[in-house]
């Protein structure tokens, strides 16, 4: 049984157009990734008693703890609040990157982009 190739499929013009679209998408993705890496995300815990700011590269830029949050008798609670704030900020980074990359790639899941 012979496979039939639709007319125009495989024509050099179509391949060139596809390659151009792929290159444009790659450039858009690279520009967006650079932009995302430069952004900062801030999250808080315990009604603002603990706040953390991270970059789009998942690096902690600052950590602020209000003095009234520090109780030498309950360091475990402070440690938990720091973890909550850091994890929330990292989640913001990931969700923003996933959403905005999805818009650029048209929903294609391209491994290694985010």
PDB file of N, CA and C in Angstrom:
ATOM      1  N   UNK A   1       0.842  -1.159   0.000  1.00  0.00           N
ATOM      2  CA  UNK A   1       0.000   0.000   0.000  1.00  0.00           C
ATOM      3  C   UNK A   1       0.897   1.234   0.000  1.00  0.00           C
ATOM      4  N   UNK A   2       0.631   2.158  -0.873  1.00  0.00           N
ATOM      5  CA  UNK A   2       1.433   3.363  -0.973  1.00  0.00           C
ATOM      6  C   UNK A   2       0.827   4.451  -0.093  1.00  0.00           C
ATOM      7  N   UNK A   3       1.705   5.180   0.583  1.00  0.00           N
ATOM      8  CA  UNK A   3       1.250   6.314   1.383  1.00  0.00           C
ATOM      9  C   UNK A   3       1.120   7.513   0.466  1.00  0.00           C
ATOM     10  N   UNK A   4       0.086   8.249   0.643  1.00  0.00           N
ATOM     11  CA  UNK A   4      -0.107   9.444  -0.171  1.00  0.00           C
ATOM     12  C   UNK A   4       0.300  10.668   0.629  1.00  0.00           C
ATOM     13  N   UNK A   5       1.111  11.472   0.022  1.00  0.00           N
ATOM     14  CA  UNK A   5       1.570  12.705   0.655  1.00  0.00           C
ATOM     15  C   UNK A   5       0.724  13.838   0.099  1.00  0.00           C
ATOM     16  N   UNK A   6       0.098  14.613   0.977  1.00  0.00           N
ATOM     17  CA  UNK A   6      -0.733  15.714   0.498  1.00  0.00           C
ATOM     18  C   UNK A   6       0.084  16.684  -0.349  1.00  0.00           C
ATOM     19  N   UNK A   7      -0.580  17.269  -1.326  1.00  0.00           N
ATOM     20  CA  UNK A   7       0.100  18.233  -2.179  1.00  0.00           C
ATOM     21  C   UNK A   7       0.631  19.384  -1.346  1.00  0.00           C
ATOM     22  N   UNK A   8       1.830  19.764  -1.651  1.00  0.00           N
ATOM     23  CA  UNK A   8       2.430  20.902  -0.958  1.00  0.00           C
ATOM     24  C   UNK A   8       3.130  20.534   0.339  1.00  0.00           C
ATOM     25  N   UNK A   9       2.838  19.355   0.895  1.00  0.00           N
ATOM     26  CA  UNK A   9       3.512  18.956   2.133  1.00  0.00           C
ATOM     27  C   UNK A   9       4.924  18.555   1.787  1.00  0.00           C
ATOM     28  N   UNK A  10       5.875  19.173   2.299  1.00  0.00           N
ATOM     29  CA  UNK A  10       7.253  18.839   1.985  1.00  0.00           C
ATOM     30  C   UNK A  10       7.838  19.758   0.933  1.00  0.00           C
ATOM     31  N   UNK A  11       7.044  20.661   0.442  1.00  0.00           N
ATOM     32  CA  UNK A  11       7.578  21.633  -0.505  1.00  0.00           C
ATOM     33  C   UNK A  11       8.552  22.533   0.238  1.00  0.00           C
ATOM     34  N   UNK A  12       9.660  22.914  -0.406  1.00  0.00           N
ATOM     35  CA  UNK A  12      10.667  23.736   0.267  1.00  0.00           C
ATOM     36  C   UNK A  12      10.104  25.019   0.877  1.00  0.00           C
ATOM     37  N   UNK A  13       9.136  25.625   0.266  1.00  0.00           N
ATOM     38  CA  UNK A  13       8.544  26.852   0.796  1.00  0.00           C
ATOM     39  C   UNK A  13       7.909  26.632   2.153  1.00  0.00           C
ATOM     40  N   UNK A  14       7.223  25.506   2.311  1.00  0.00           N
ATOM     41  CA  UNK A  14       6.583  25.202   3.597  1.00  0.00           C
ATOM     42  C   UNK A  14       7.615  24.967   4.691  1.00  0.00           C
ATOM     43  N   UNK A  15       8.675  24.274   4.343  1.00  0.00           N
ATOM     44  CA  UNK A  15       9.724  23.999   5.331  1.00  0.00           C
ATOM     45  C   UNK A  15      10.390  25.302   5.761  1.00  0.00           C
ATOM     46  N   UNK A  16      10.650  26.169   4.788  1.00  0.00           N
ATOM     47  CA  UNK A  16      11.260  27.460   5.116  1.00  0.00           C
ATOM     48  C   UNK A  16      10.356  28.285   6.017  1.00  0.00           C
ATOM     49  N   UNK A  17       9.054  28.257   5.752  1.00  0.00           N
ATOM     50  CA  UNK A  17       8.107  29.011   6.581  1.00  0.00           C
ATOM     51  C   UNK A  17       8.073  28.447   7.994  1.00  0.00           C
ATOM     52  N   UNK A  18       8.089  27.128   8.104  1.00  0.00           N
ATOM     53  CA  UNK A  18       8.080  26.483   9.421  1.00  0.00           C
ATOM     54  C   UNK A  18       9.358  26.819  10.179  1.00  0.00           C
ATOM     55  N   UNK A  19      10.486  26.769   9.476  1.00  0.00           N
ATOM     56  CA  UNK A  19      11.768  27.083  10.121  1.00  0.00           C
ATOM     57  C   UNK A  19      11.796  28.541  10.586  1.00  0.00           C
ATOM     58  N   UNK A  20      11.232  29.436   9.797  1.00  0.00           N
ATOM     59  CA  UNK A  20      11.194  30.849  10.171  1.00  0.00           C
ATOM     60  C   UNK A  20      10.325  31.036  11.414  1.00  0.00           C
ATOM     61  N   UNK A  21       9.163  30.365  11.443  1.00  0.00           N
ATOM     62  CA  UNK A  21       8.284  30.451  12.615  1.00  0.00           C
ATOM     63  C   UNK A  21       8.983  29.901  13.853  1.00  0.00           C
ATOM     64  N   UNK A  22       9.683  28.794  13.694  1.00  0.00           N
ATOM     65  CA  UNK A  22      10.399  28.190  14.824  1.00  0.00           C
ATOM     66  C   UNK A  22      11.485  29.131  15.332  1.00  0.00           C
ATOM     67  N   UNK A  23      12.193  29.768  14.420  1.00  0.00           N
ATOM     68  CA  UNK A  23      13.249  30.707  14.819  1.00  0.00           C
ATOM     69  C   UNK A  23      12.653  31.915  15.544  1.00  0.00           C
ATOM     70  N   UNK A  24      11.529  32.425  15.042  1.00  0.00           N
ATOM     71  CA  UNK A  24      10.873  33.552  15.705  1.00  0.00           C
ATOM     72  C   UNK A  24      10.410  33.159  17.105  1.00  0.00           C
ATOM     73  N   UNK A  25       9.843  31.953  17.218  1.00  0.00           N
ATOM     74  CA  UNK A  25       9.398  31.492  18.535  1.00  0.00           C
ATOM     75  C   UNK A  25      10.586  31.366  19.474  1.00  0.00           C
ATOM     76  N   UNK A  26      11.694  30.834  18.966  1.00  0.00           N
ATOM     77  CA  UNK A  26      12.894  30.684  19.788  1.00  0.00           C
ATOM     78  C   UNK A  26      13.395  32.045  20.272  1.00  0.00           C
ATOM     79  N   UNK A  27      13.382  33.028  19.406  1.00  0.00           N
ATOM     80  CA  UNK A  27      13.814  34.374  19.789  1.00  0.00           C
ATOM     81  C   UNK A  27      12.870  34.972  20.831  1.00  0.00           C
ATOM     82  N   UNK A  28      11.564  34.773  20.640  1.00  0.00           N
ATOM     83  CA  UNK A  28      10.583  35.282  21.603  1.00  0.00           C
ATOM     84  C   UNK A  28      10.737  34.605  22.964  1.00  0.00           C
ATOM     85  N   UNK A  29      10.976  33.310  22.940  1.00  0.00           N
ATOM     86  CA  UNK A  29      11.159  32.559  24.189  1.00  0.00           C
ATOM     87  C   UNK A  29      12.415  33.045  24.905  1.00  0.00           C
ATOM     88  N   UNK A  30      13.494  33.242  24.168  1.00  0.00           N
ATOM     89  CA  UNK A  30      14.745  33.704  24.783  1.00  0.00           C
ATOM     90  C   UNK A  30      14.574  35.090  25.396  1.00  0.00           C
ATOM     91  N   UNK A  31      13.873  35.977  24.699  1.00  0.00           N
ATOM     92  CA  UNK A  31      13.639  37.325  25.227  1.00  0.00           C
ATOM     93  C   UNK A  31      12.766  37.266  26.476  1.00  0.00           C
ATOM     94  N   UNK A  32      11.725  36.440  26.451  1.00  0.00           N
ATOM     95  CA  UNK A  32      10.855  36.313  27.617  1.00  0.00           C
ATOM     96  C   UNK A  32      11.614  35.715  28.789  1.00  0.00           C
ATOM     97  N   UNK A  33      12.447  34.702  28.543  1.00  0.00           N
ATOM     98  CA  UNK A  33      13.207  34.080  29.625  1.00  0.00           C
ATOM     99  C   UNK A  33      14.136  35.100  30.277  1.00  0.00           C
ATOM    100  N   UNK A  34      14.777  35.938  29.468  1.00  0.00           N
ATOM    101  CA  UNK A  34      15.650  36.978  30.022  1.00  0.00           C
ATOM    102  C   UNK A  34      14.839  37.942  30.877  1.00  0.00           C
ATOM    103  N   UNK A  35      13.650  38.298  30.408  1.00  0.00           N
ATOM    104  CA  UNK A  35      12.779  39.194  31.169  1.00  0.00           C
ATOM    105  C   UNK A  35      12.338  38.543  32.477  1.00  0.00           C
ATOM    106  N   UNK A  36      11.919  37.284  32.409  1.00  0.00           N
ATOM    107  CA  UNK A  36      11.481  36.571  33.615  1.00  0.00           C
ATOM    108  C   UNK A  36      12.610  36.459  34.633  1.00  0.00           C
ATOM    109  N   UNK A  37      13.830  36.233  34.164  1.00  0.00           N
ATOM    110  CA  UNK A  37      14.973  36.101  35.063  1.00  0.00           C
ATOM    111  C   UNK A  37      15.241  37.384  35.833  1.00  0.00           C
ATOM    112  N   UNK A  38      14.918  38.520  35.257  1.00  0.00           N
ATOM    113  CA  UNK A  38      15.183  39.812  35.887  1.00  0.00           C
ATOM    114  C   UNK A  38      14.089  40.238  36.875  1.00  0.00           C
ATOM    115  N   UNK A  39      12.944  39.627  36.797  1.00  0.00           N
ATOM    116  CA  UNK A  39      11.823  40.023  37.657  1.00  0.00           C
ATOM    117  C   UNK A  39      12.062  39.619  39.103  1.00  0.00           C
ATOM    118  N   UNK A  40      11.353  40.319  39.997  1.00  0.00           N
ATOM    119  CA  UNK A  40      11.400  39.985  41.417  1.00  0.00           C
ATOM    120  C   UNK A  40       9.993  39.658  41.900  1.00  0.00           C
ATOM    121  N   UNK A  41       9.915  38.734  42.818  1.00  0.00           N
ATOM    122  CA  UNK A  41       8.654  38.270  43.370  1.00  0.00           C
ATOM    123  C   UNK A  41       8.760  38.333  44.886  1.00  0.00           C
ATOM    124  N   UNK A  42       7.731  38.873  45.522  1.00  0.00           N
ATOM    125  CA  UNK A  42       7.731  38.994  46.978  1.00  0.00           C
ATOM    126  C   UNK A  42       6.538  38.232  47.537  1.00  0.00           C
ATOM    127  N   UNK A  43       6.789  37.503  48.593  1.00  0.00           N
ATOM    128  CA  UNK A  43       5.728  36.766  49.286  1.00  0.00           C
ATOM    129  C   UNK A  43       5.888  36.992  50.774  1.00  0.00           C
ATOM    130  N   UNK A  44       4.773  36.888  51.482  1.00  0.00           N
ATOM    131  CA  UNK A  44       4.789  37.104  52.929  1.00  0.00           C
ATOM    132  C   UNK A  44       4.129  35.933  53.647  1.00  0.00           C
ATOM    133  N   UNK A  45       4.391  35.877  54.935  1.00  0.00           N
ATOM    134  CA  UNK A  45       3.748  34.889  55.810  1.00  0.00           C
ATOM    135  C   UNK A  45       3.452  35.579  57.130  1.00  0.00           C
ATOM    136  N   UNK A  46       2.546  35.011  57.861  1.00  0.00           N
ATOM    137  CA  UNK A  46       2.165  35.519  59.187  1.00  0.00           C
ATOM    138  C   UNK A  46       1.761  36.995  59.108  1.00  0.00           C
ATOM    139  N   UNK A  47       0.856  37.290  58.198  1.00  0.00           N
ATOM    140  CA  UNK A  47       0.336  38.660  58.031  1.00  0.00           C
ATOM    141  C   UNK A  47       1.445  39.689  57.835  1.00  0.00           C
ATOM    142  N   UNK A  48       2.427  39.341  57.032  1.00  0.00           N
ATOM    143  CA  UNK A  48       3.495  40.281  56.712  1.00  0.00           C
ATOM    144  C   UNK A  48       4.633  40.326  57.709  1.00  0.00           C
ATOM    145  N   UNK A  49       4.603  39.489  58.694  1.00  0.00           N
ATOM    146  CA  UNK A  49       5.673  39.481  59.687  1.00  0.00           C
ATOM    147  C   UNK A  49       6.977  38.942  59.089  1.00  0.00           C
ATOM    148  N   UNK A  50       6.844  38.084  58.097  1.00  0.00           N
ATOM    149  CA  UNK A  50       7.999  37.542  57.381  1.00  0.00           C
ATOM    150  C   UNK A  50       7.750  37.788  55.899  1.00  0.00           C
ATOM    151  N   UNK A  51       8.740  38.385  55.225  1.00  0.00           N
ATOM    152  CA  UNK A  51       8.603  38.545  53.781  1.00  0.00           C
ATOM    153  C   UNK A  51       9.914  38.171  53.108  1.00  0.00           C
ATOM    154  N   UNK A  52       9.778  37.666  51.897  1.00  0.00           N
ATOM    155  CA  UNK A  52      10.947  37.263  51.125  1.00  0.00           C
ATOM    156  C   UNK A  52      10.770  37.757  49.696  1.00  0.00           C
ATOM    157  N   UNK A  53      11.870  38.199  49.101  1.00  0.00           N
ATOM    158  CA  UNK A  53      11.882  38.595  47.697  1.00  0.00           C
ATOM    159  C   UNK A  53      12.875  37.705  46.977  1.00  0.00           C
ATOM    160  N   UNK A  54      12.422  37.118  45.866  1.00  0.00           N
ATOM    161  CA  UNK A  54      13.277  36.251  45.067  1.00  0.00           C
ATOM    162  C   UNK A  54      13.298  36.757  43.632  1.00  0.00           C
ATOM    163  N   UNK A  55      14.318  36.332  42.898  1.00  0.00           N
ATOM    164  CA  UNK A  55      14.404  36.694  41.488  1.00  0.00           C
ATOM    165  C   UNK A  55      13.788  35.581  40.648  1.00  0.00           C
ATOM    166  N   UNK A  56      13.619  35.871  39.368  1.00  0.00           N
ATOM    167  CA  UNK A  56      13.102  34.870  38.446  1.00  0.00           C
ATOM    168  C   UNK A  56      14.029  33.692  38.277  1.00  0.00           C
ATOM    169  N   UNK A  57      15.249  33.807  38.766  1.00  0.00           N
ATOM    170  CA  UNK A  57      16.203  32.702  38.723  1.00  0.00           C
ATOM    171  C   UNK A  57      16.168  31.879  40.010  1.00  0.00           C
ATOM    172  N   UNK A  58      15.143  32.099  40.827  1.00  0.00           N
ATOM    173  CA  UNK A  58      14.957  31.374  42.083  1.00  0.00           C
ATOM    174  C   UNK A  58      16.046  31.677  43.106  1.00  0.00           C
ATOM    175  N   UNK A  59      16.561  32.885  43.100  1.00  0.00           N
ATOM    176  CA  UNK A  59      17.561  33.269  44.087  1.00  0.00           C
ATOM    177  C   UNK A  59      16.918  34.225  45.088  1.00  0.00           C
ATOM    178  N   UNK A  60      17.131  33.959  46.371  1.00  0.00           N
ATOM    179  CA  UNK A  60      16.590  34.828  47.410  1.00  0.00           C
ATOM    180  C   UNK A  60      17.380  36.121  47.399  1.00  0.00           C
ATOM    181  N   UNK A  61      16.662  37.229  47.229  1.00  0.00           N
ATOM    182  CA  UNK A  61      17.309  38.533  47.187  1.00  0.00           C
ATOM    183  C   UNK A  61      17.264  39.202  48.556  1.00  0.00           C
ATOM    184  N   UNK A  62      16.139  39.062  49.236  1.00  0.00           N
ATOM    185  CA  UNK A  62      16.055  39.632  50.582  1.00  0.00           C
ATOM    186  C   UNK A  62      15.071  38.837  51.427  1.00  0.00           C
ATOM    187  N   UNK A  63      15.298  38.909  52.724  1.00  0.00           N
ATOM    188  CA  UNK A  63      14.443  38.262  53.708  1.00  0.00           C
ATOM    189  C   UNK A  63      14.267  39.251  54.850  1.00  0.00           C
ATOM    190  N   UNK A  64      13.014  39.558  55.160  1.00  0.00           N
ATOM    191  CA  UNK A  64      12.731  40.519  56.220  1.00  0.00           C
ATOM    192  C   UNK A  64      11.876  39.835  57.293  1.00  0.00           C
ATOM    193  N   UNK A  65      12.305  40.003  58.545  1.00  0.00           N
ATOM    194  CA  UNK A  65      11.566  39.446  59.680  1.00  0.00           C
ATOM    195  C   UNK A  65      11.316  40.577  60.661  1.00  0.00           C
ATOM    196  N   UNK A  66      10.052  40.825  60.949  1.00  0.00           N
ATOM    197  CA  UNK A  66       9.734  41.873  61.913  1.00  0.00           C
ATOM    198  C   UNK A  66      10.170  41.406  63.302  1.00  0.00           C
ATOM    199  N   UNK A  67      10.757  42.314  64.088  1.00  0.00           N
ATOM    200  CA  UNK A  67      11.303  41.935  65.400  1.00  0.00           C
ATOM    201  C   UNK A  67      10.297  41.222  66.306  1.00  0.00           C
ATOM    202  N   UNK A  68       9.045  41.641  66.245  1.00  0.00           N
ATOM    203  CA  UNK A  68       8.055  41.004  67.130  1.00  0.00           C
ATOM    204  C   UNK A  68       7.779  39.546  66.754  1.00  0.00           C
ATOM    205  N   UNK A  69       8.265  39.125  65.592  1.00  0.00           N
ATOM    206  CA  UNK A  69       8.099  37.735  65.171  1.00  0.00           C
ATOM    207  C   UNK A  69       9.148  36.829  65.825  1.00  0.00           C
ATOM    208  N   UNK A  70      10.212  37.421  66.315  1.00  0.00           N
ATOM    209  CA  UNK A  70      11.307  36.634  66.884  1.00  0.00           C
ATOM    210  C   UNK A  70      11.016  36.328  68.350  1.00  0.00           C
ATOM    211  N   UNK A  71      10.802  35.064  68.602  1.00  0.00           N
ATOM    212  CA  UNK A  71      10.576  34.587  69.960  1.00  0.00           C
ATOM    213  C   UNK A  71      11.579  33.459  70.197  1.00  0.00           C
ATOM    214  N   UNK A  72      12.599  33.727  71.000  1.00  0.00           N
ATOM    215  CA  UNK A  72      13.616  32.692  71.229  1.00  0.00           C
ATOM    216  C   UNK A  72      13.044  31.374  71.739  1.00  0.00           C
ATOM    217  N   UNK A  73      11.876  31.440  72.337  1.00  0.00           N
ATOM    218  CA  UNK A  73      11.242  30.231  72.855  1.00  0.00           C
ATOM    219  C   UNK A  73      10.529  29.441  71.753  1.00  0.00           C
ATOM    220  N   UNK A  74      10.299  30.089  70.589  1.00  0.00           N
ATOM    221  CA  UNK A  74       9.550  29.416  69.524  1.00  0.00           C
ATOM    222  C   UNK A  74      10.204  29.661  68.163  1.00  0.00           C
ATOM    223  N   UNK A  75      11.440  29.259  68.026  1.00  0.00           N
ATOM    224  CA  UNK A  75      12.162  29.435  66.774  1.00  0.00           C
ATOM    225  C   UNK A  75      11.566  28.573  65.658  1.00  0.00           C
ATOM    226  N   UNK A  76      10.948  27.472  66.043  1.00  0.00           N
ATOM    227  CA  UNK A  76      10.353  26.589  65.043  1.00  0.00           C
ATOM    228  C   UNK A  76       9.265  27.306  64.241  1.00  0.00           C
ATOM    229  N   UNK A  77       8.449  28.126  64.908  1.00  0.00           N
ATOM    230  CA  UNK A  77       7.406  28.860  64.199  1.00  0.00           C
ATOM    231  C   UNK A  77       8.025  29.851  63.212  1.00  0.00           C
ATOM    232  N   UNK A  78       9.085  30.541  63.618  1.00  0.00           N
ATOM    233  CA  UNK A  78       9.763  31.478  62.726  1.00  0.00           C
ATOM    234  C   UNK A  78      10.342  30.739  61.516  1.00  0.00           C
ATOM    235  N   UNK A  79      10.956  29.617  61.749  1.00  0.00           N
ATOM    236  CA  UNK A  79      11.507  28.824  60.651  1.00  0.00           C
ATOM    237  C   UNK A  79      10.407  28.388  59.688  1.00  0.00           C
ATOM    238  N   UNK A  80       9.256  27.983  60.234  1.00  0.00           N
ATOM    239  CA  UNK A  80       8.125  27.580  59.392  1.00  0.00           C
ATOM    240  C   UNK A  80       7.629  28.747  58.544  1.00  0.00           C
ATOM    241  N   UNK A  81       7.536  29.937  59.138  1.00  0.00           N
ATOM    242  CA  UNK A  81       7.056  31.110  58.410  1.00  0.00           C
ATOM    243  C   UNK A  81       8.025  31.512  57.294  1.00  0.00           C
ATOM    244  N   UNK A  82       9.309  31.364  57.535  1.00  0.00           N
ATOM    245  CA  UNK A  82      10.302  31.640  56.488  1.00  0.00           C
ATOM    246  C   UNK A  82      10.111  30.658  55.338  1.00  0.00           C
ATOM    247  N   UNK A  83       9.941  29.393  55.667  1.00  0.00           N
ATOM    248  CA  UNK A  83       9.740  28.381  54.632  1.00  0.00           C
ATOM    249  C   UNK A  83       8.470  28.664  53.831  1.00  0.00           C
ATOM    250  N   UNK A  84       7.392  29.051  54.494  1.00  0.00           N
ATOM    251  CA  UNK A  84       6.136  29.371  53.812  1.00  0.00           C
ATOM    252  C   UNK A  84       6.343  30.518  52.828  1.00  0.00           C
ATOM    253  N   UNK A  85       6.995  31.581  53.272  1.00  0.00           N
ATOM    254  CA  UNK A  85       7.208  32.741  52.414  1.00  0.00           C
ATOM    255  C   UNK A  85       8.105  32.392  51.224  1.00  0.00           C
ATOM    256  N   UNK A  86       9.183  31.670  51.462  1.00  0.00           N
ATOM    257  CA  UNK A  86      10.094  31.297  50.369  1.00  0.00           C
ATOM    258  C   UNK A  86       9.372  30.400  49.365  1.00  0.00           C
ATOM    259  N   UNK A  87       8.654  29.410  49.855  1.00  0.00           N
ATOM    260  CA  UNK A  87       7.955  28.501  48.949  1.00  0.00           C
ATOM    261  C   UNK A  87       6.886  29.224  48.136  1.00  0.00           C
ATOM    262  N   UNK A  88       6.192  30.177  48.739  1.00  0.00           N
ATOM    263  CA  UNK A  88       5.173  30.934  48.021  1.00  0.00           C
ATOM    264  C   UNK A  88       5.819  31.796  46.933  1.00  0.00           C
ATOM    265  N   UNK A  89       6.928  32.424  47.232  1.00  0.00           N
ATOM    266  CA  UNK A  89       7.617  33.241  46.236  1.00  0.00           C
ATOM    267  C   UNK A  89       8.106  32.374  45.072  1.00  0.00           C
ATOM    268  N   UNK A  90       8.643  31.216  45.361  1.00  0.00           N
ATOM    269  CA  UNK A  90       9.111  30.321  44.302  1.00  0.00           C
ATOM    270  C   UNK A  90       7.943  29.834  43.437  1.00  0.00           C
ATOM    271  N   UNK A  91       6.805  29.580  44.072  1.00  0.00           N
ATOM    272  CA  UNK A  91       5.611  29.174  43.334  1.00  0.00           C
ATOM    273  C   UNK A  91       5.186  30.281  42.378  1.00  0.00           C
ATOM    274  N   UNK A  92       5.268  31.539  42.837  1.00  0.00           N
ATOM    275  CA  UNK A  92       4.926  32.674  41.974  1.00  0.00           C
ATOM    276  C   UNK A  92       5.832  32.716  40.744  1.00  0.00           C
ATOM    277  N   UNK A  93       7.119  32.501  40.953  1.00  0.00           N
ATOM    278  CA  UNK A  93       8.080  32.489  39.840  1.00  0.00           C
ATOM    279  C   UNK A  93       7.666  31.424  38.821  1.00  0.00           C
ATOM    280  N   UNK A  94       7.432  30.211  39.302  1.00  0.00           N
ATOM    281  CA  UNK A  94       7.107  29.096  38.407  1.00  0.00           C
ATOM    282  C   UNK A  94       5.790  29.313  37.671  1.00  0.00           C
ATOM    283  N   UNK A  95       4.760  29.774  38.385  1.00  0.00           N
ATOM    284  CA  UNK A  95       3.458  29.982  37.760  1.00  0.00           C
ATOM    285  C   UNK A  95       3.517  31.085  36.705  1.00  0.00           C
ATOM    286  N   UNK A  96       4.225  32.166  37.003  1.00  0.00           N
ATOM    287  CA  UNK A  96       4.344  33.252  36.038  1.00  0.00           C
ATOM    288  C   UNK A  96       5.086  32.786  34.800  1.00  0.00           C
ATOM    289  N   UNK A  97       6.192  32.086  34.995  1.00  0.00           N
ATOM    290  CA  UNK A  97       6.975  31.591  33.857  1.00  0.00           C
ATOM    291  C   UNK A  97       6.158  30.629  33.008  1.00  0.00           C
ATOM    292  N   UNK A  98       5.450  29.717  33.652  1.00  0.00           N
ATOM    293  CA  UNK A  98       4.645  28.742  32.920  1.00  0.00           C
ATOM    294  C   UNK A  98       3.550  29.431  32.114  1.00  0.00           C
ATOM    295  N   UNK A  99       2.871  30.383  32.725  1.00  0.00           N
ATOM    296  CA  UNK A  99       1.778  31.091  32.047  1.00  0.00           C
ATOM    297  C   UNK A  99       2.296  31.891  30.857  1.00  0.00           C
ATOM    298  N   UNK A 100       3.334  32.673  31.073  1.00  0.00           N
ATOM    299  CA  UNK A 100       3.819  33.546  30.015  1.00  0.00           C
ATOM    300  C   UNK A 100       4.543  32.774  28.917  1.00  0.00           C
ATOM    301  N   UNK A 101       5.246  31.703  29.254  1.00  0.00           N
ATOM    302  CA  UNK A 101       5.872  30.877  28.226  1.00  0.00           C
ATOM    303  C   UNK A 101       4.795  30.179  27.396  1.00  0.00           C
ATOM    304  N   UNK A 102       3.719  29.770  28.048  1.00  0.00           N
ATOM    305  CA  UNK A 102       2.609  29.140  27.329  1.00  0.00           C
ATOM    306  C   UNK A 102       1.996  30.070  26.309  1.00  0.00           C
ATOM    307  N   UNK A 103       1.944  31.355  26.638  1.00  0.00           N
ATOM    308  CA  UNK A 103       1.411  32.333  25.697  1.00  0.00           C
ATOM    309  C   UNK A 103       2.331  32.483  24.493  1.00  0.00           C
ATOM    310  N   UNK A 104       3.637  32.455  24.712  1.00  0.00           N
ATOM    311  CA  UNK A 104       4.610  32.633  23.625  1.00  0.00           C
ATOM    312  C   UNK A 104       4.691  31.385  22.751  1.00  0.00           C
ATOM    313  N   UNK A 105       4.622  30.214  23.373  1.00  0.00           N
ATOM    314  CA  UNK A 105       4.785  28.972  22.618  1.00  0.00           C
ATOM    315  C   UNK A 105       3.466  28.409  22.122  1.00  0.00           C
ATOM    316  N   UNK A 106       2.375  29.093  22.377  1.00  0.00           N
ATOM    317  CA  UNK A 106       1.087  28.601  21.933  1.00  0.00           C
ATOM    318  C   UNK A 106       0.662  27.345  22.664  1.00  0.00           C
ATOM    319  N   UNK A 107       1.143  27.172  23.874  1.00  0.00           N
ATOM    320  CA  UNK A 107       0.771  26.018  24.685  1.00  0.00           C
ATOM    321  C   UNK A 107       1.629  24.788  24.451  1.00  0.00           C
ATOM    322  N   UNK A 108       2.603  24.879  23.548  1.00  0.00           N
ATOM    323  CA  UNK A 108       3.504  23.741  23.338  1.00  0.00           C
ATOM    324  C   UNK A 108       4.347  23.524  24.578  1.00  0.00           C
ATOM    325  N   UNK A 109       4.490  22.297  24.986  1.00  0.00           N
ATOM    326  CA  UNK A 109       5.328  21.966  26.133  1.00  0.00           C
ATOM    327  C   UNK A 109       6.718  21.641  25.611  1.00  0.00           C
ATOM    328  N   UNK A 110       7.618  22.616  25.674  1.00  0.00           N
ATOM    329  CA  UNK A 110       8.968  22.416  25.155  1.00  0.00           C
ATOM    330  C   UNK A 110       9.895  22.196  26.345  1.00  0.00           C
ATOM    331  N   UNK A 111      10.440  20.985  26.486  1.00  0.00           N
ATOM    332  CA  UNK A 111      11.286  20.659  27.627  1.00  0.00           C
ATOM    333  C   UNK A 111      12.473  21.595  27.752  1.00  0.00           C
ATOM    334  N   UNK A 112      12.786  21.964  28.985  1.00  0.00           N
ATOM    335  CA  UNK A 112      13.964  22.783  29.246  1.00  0.00           C
ATOM    336  C   UNK A 112      13.728  24.278  29.166  1.00  0.00           C
ATOM    337  N   UNK A 113      12.527  24.710  28.805  1.00  0.00           N
ATOM    338  CA  UNK A 113      12.292  26.156  28.695  1.00  0.00           C
ATOM    339  C   UNK A 113      11.996  26.787  30.031  1.00  0.00           C
ATOM    340  N   UNK A 114      11.296  26.104  30.867  1.00  0.00           N
ATOM    341  CA  UNK A 114      10.936  26.707  32.152  1.00  0.00           C
ATOM    342  C   UNK A 114      11.315  25.756  33.253  1.00  0.00           C
TER     343      UNK A 114
END
